[in-house]
Amino acid sequence: MERRLYEHENGIDPKSYTFKRRPFKLVFHESFNDITQAIAFEKQIKGWRRAKKEAIINGDWHLLPELSMRAIRHDGNA
């Protein structure tokens, strides 16, 4: 995690989302034993709507199923 934070803070990759949005504030982190799981989770979260991201930032994991259902109803796919 320290390496990733350093990369974002110092603008190591000009193509990264955070490059032009510095300085930024870390509001959420999660630890993984497996790098593959960590990358998959990061990619999953990147695709979420703001409401779901705010729920995990606030520790409201229990709201995720309801927020997912709202997205399905809003899209008209269910």
Protein backbone atom coordinates (compact mmCIF):
# COMPACT_ATOMS: atom_id res chain seq x y z
CA MET A 1 0.00 0.00 0.00
CA GLU A 2 2.84 2.39 0.78
CA ARG A 3 4.22 2.00 -2.74
CA ARG A 4 0.83 2.70 -4.37
CA LEU A 5 0.29 5.76 -2.21
CA TYR A 6 3.78 7.05 -3.05
CA GLU A 7 3.14 6.54 -6.77
CA HIS A 8 -0.11 8.50 -6.66
CA GLU A 9 1.27 11.29 -4.46
CA ASN A 10 4.33 11.78 -6.64
CA GLY A 11 2.69 11.47 -10.04
CA ILE A 12 4.76 8.53 -11.21
CA ASP A 13 2.35 7.65 -14.04
CA PRO A 14 1.11 10.65 -16.08
CA LYS A 15 -1.72 8.46 -17.44
CA SER A 16 -3.13 7.67 -14.00
CA TYR A 17 -6.46 9.13 -12.89
CA THR A 18 -4.88 10.85 -9.90
CA PHE A 19 -2.02 12.49 -11.82
CA LYS A 20 -3.85 15.78 -12.45
CA ARG A 21 -5.90 15.56 -9.24
CA ARG A 22 -3.10 16.00 -6.74
CA PRO A 23 -2.95 16.59 -3.88
CA PHE A 24 -5.54 14.05 -2.85
CA LYS A 25 -6.74 12.51 0.38
CA LEU A 26 -6.81 8.76 1.00
CA VAL A 27 -10.31 7.97 2.29
CA PHE A 28 -10.39 4.19 2.01
CA HIS A 29 -8.01 1.27 1.90
CA GLU A 30 -8.28 -2.47 2.17
CA SER A 31 -5.57 -5.08 2.69
CA PHE A 32 -5.24 -8.26 0.64
CA ASN A 33 -2.89 -11.21 0.95
CA ASP A 34 -3.03 -11.79 -2.80
CA ILE A 35 -2.08 -9.08 -5.32
CA THR A 36 -4.49 -10.54 -7.89
CA GLN A 37 -7.41 -10.05 -5.50
CA ALA A 38 -6.28 -6.52 -4.71
CA ILE A 39 -6.12 -5.55 -8.39
CA ALA A 40 -9.50 -7.16 -9.10
CA PHE A 41 -11.10 -5.28 -6.18
CA GLU A 42 -9.58 -1.97 -7.30
CA LYS A 43 -10.93 -2.48 -10.83
CA GLN A 44 -14.35 -3.42 -9.46
CA ILE A 45 -14.59 -0.28 -7.33
CA LYS A 46 -13.51 1.91 -10.23
CA GLY A 47 -16.69 0.82 -12.03
CA TRP A 48 -19.01 1.64 -9.13
CA ARG A 49 -21.27 4.65 -8.86
CA ARG A 50 -20.41 7.32 -6.31
CA ALA A 51 -23.06 6.14 -3.82
CA LYS A 52 -21.49 2.70 -3.51
CA LYS A 53 -18.01 4.19 -3.15
CA GLU A 54 -19.25 6.50 -0.39
CA ALA A 55 -20.86 3.54 1.38
CA ILE A 56 -17.56 1.67 1.70
CA ILE A 57 -15.71 4.88 2.63
CA ASN A 58 -18.18 5.25 5.52
CA GLY A 59 -17.95 1.56 6.43
CA ASP A 60 -21.54 0.93 5.36
CA TRP A 61 -20.86 -2.34 3.55
CA HIS A 62 -24.39 -3.53 4.38
CA LEU A 63 -25.80 -0.88 2.00
CA LEU A 64 -24.07 -2.30 -1.09
CA PRO A 65 -26.80 -4.83 -2.04
CA GLU A 66 -29.51 -2.16 -1.84
CA LEU A 67 -27.41 0.35 -3.79
CA SER A 68 -26.80 -2.30 -6.44
CA MET A 69 -30.52 -2.97 -6.75
CA ARG A 70 -31.20 0.75 -7.09
CA ALA A 71 -28.77 0.88 -10.00
CA ILE A 72 -30.53 -2.02 -11.73
CA ARG A 73 -33.96 -0.44 -11.25
CA HIS A 74 -32.65 2.97 -12.37
CA ASP A 75 -31.17 1.47 -15.54
CA GLY A 76 -34.45 -0.26 -16.30
CA ASN A 77 -32.80 -3.68 -16.55
CA ALA A 78 -34.88 -5.33 -13.85
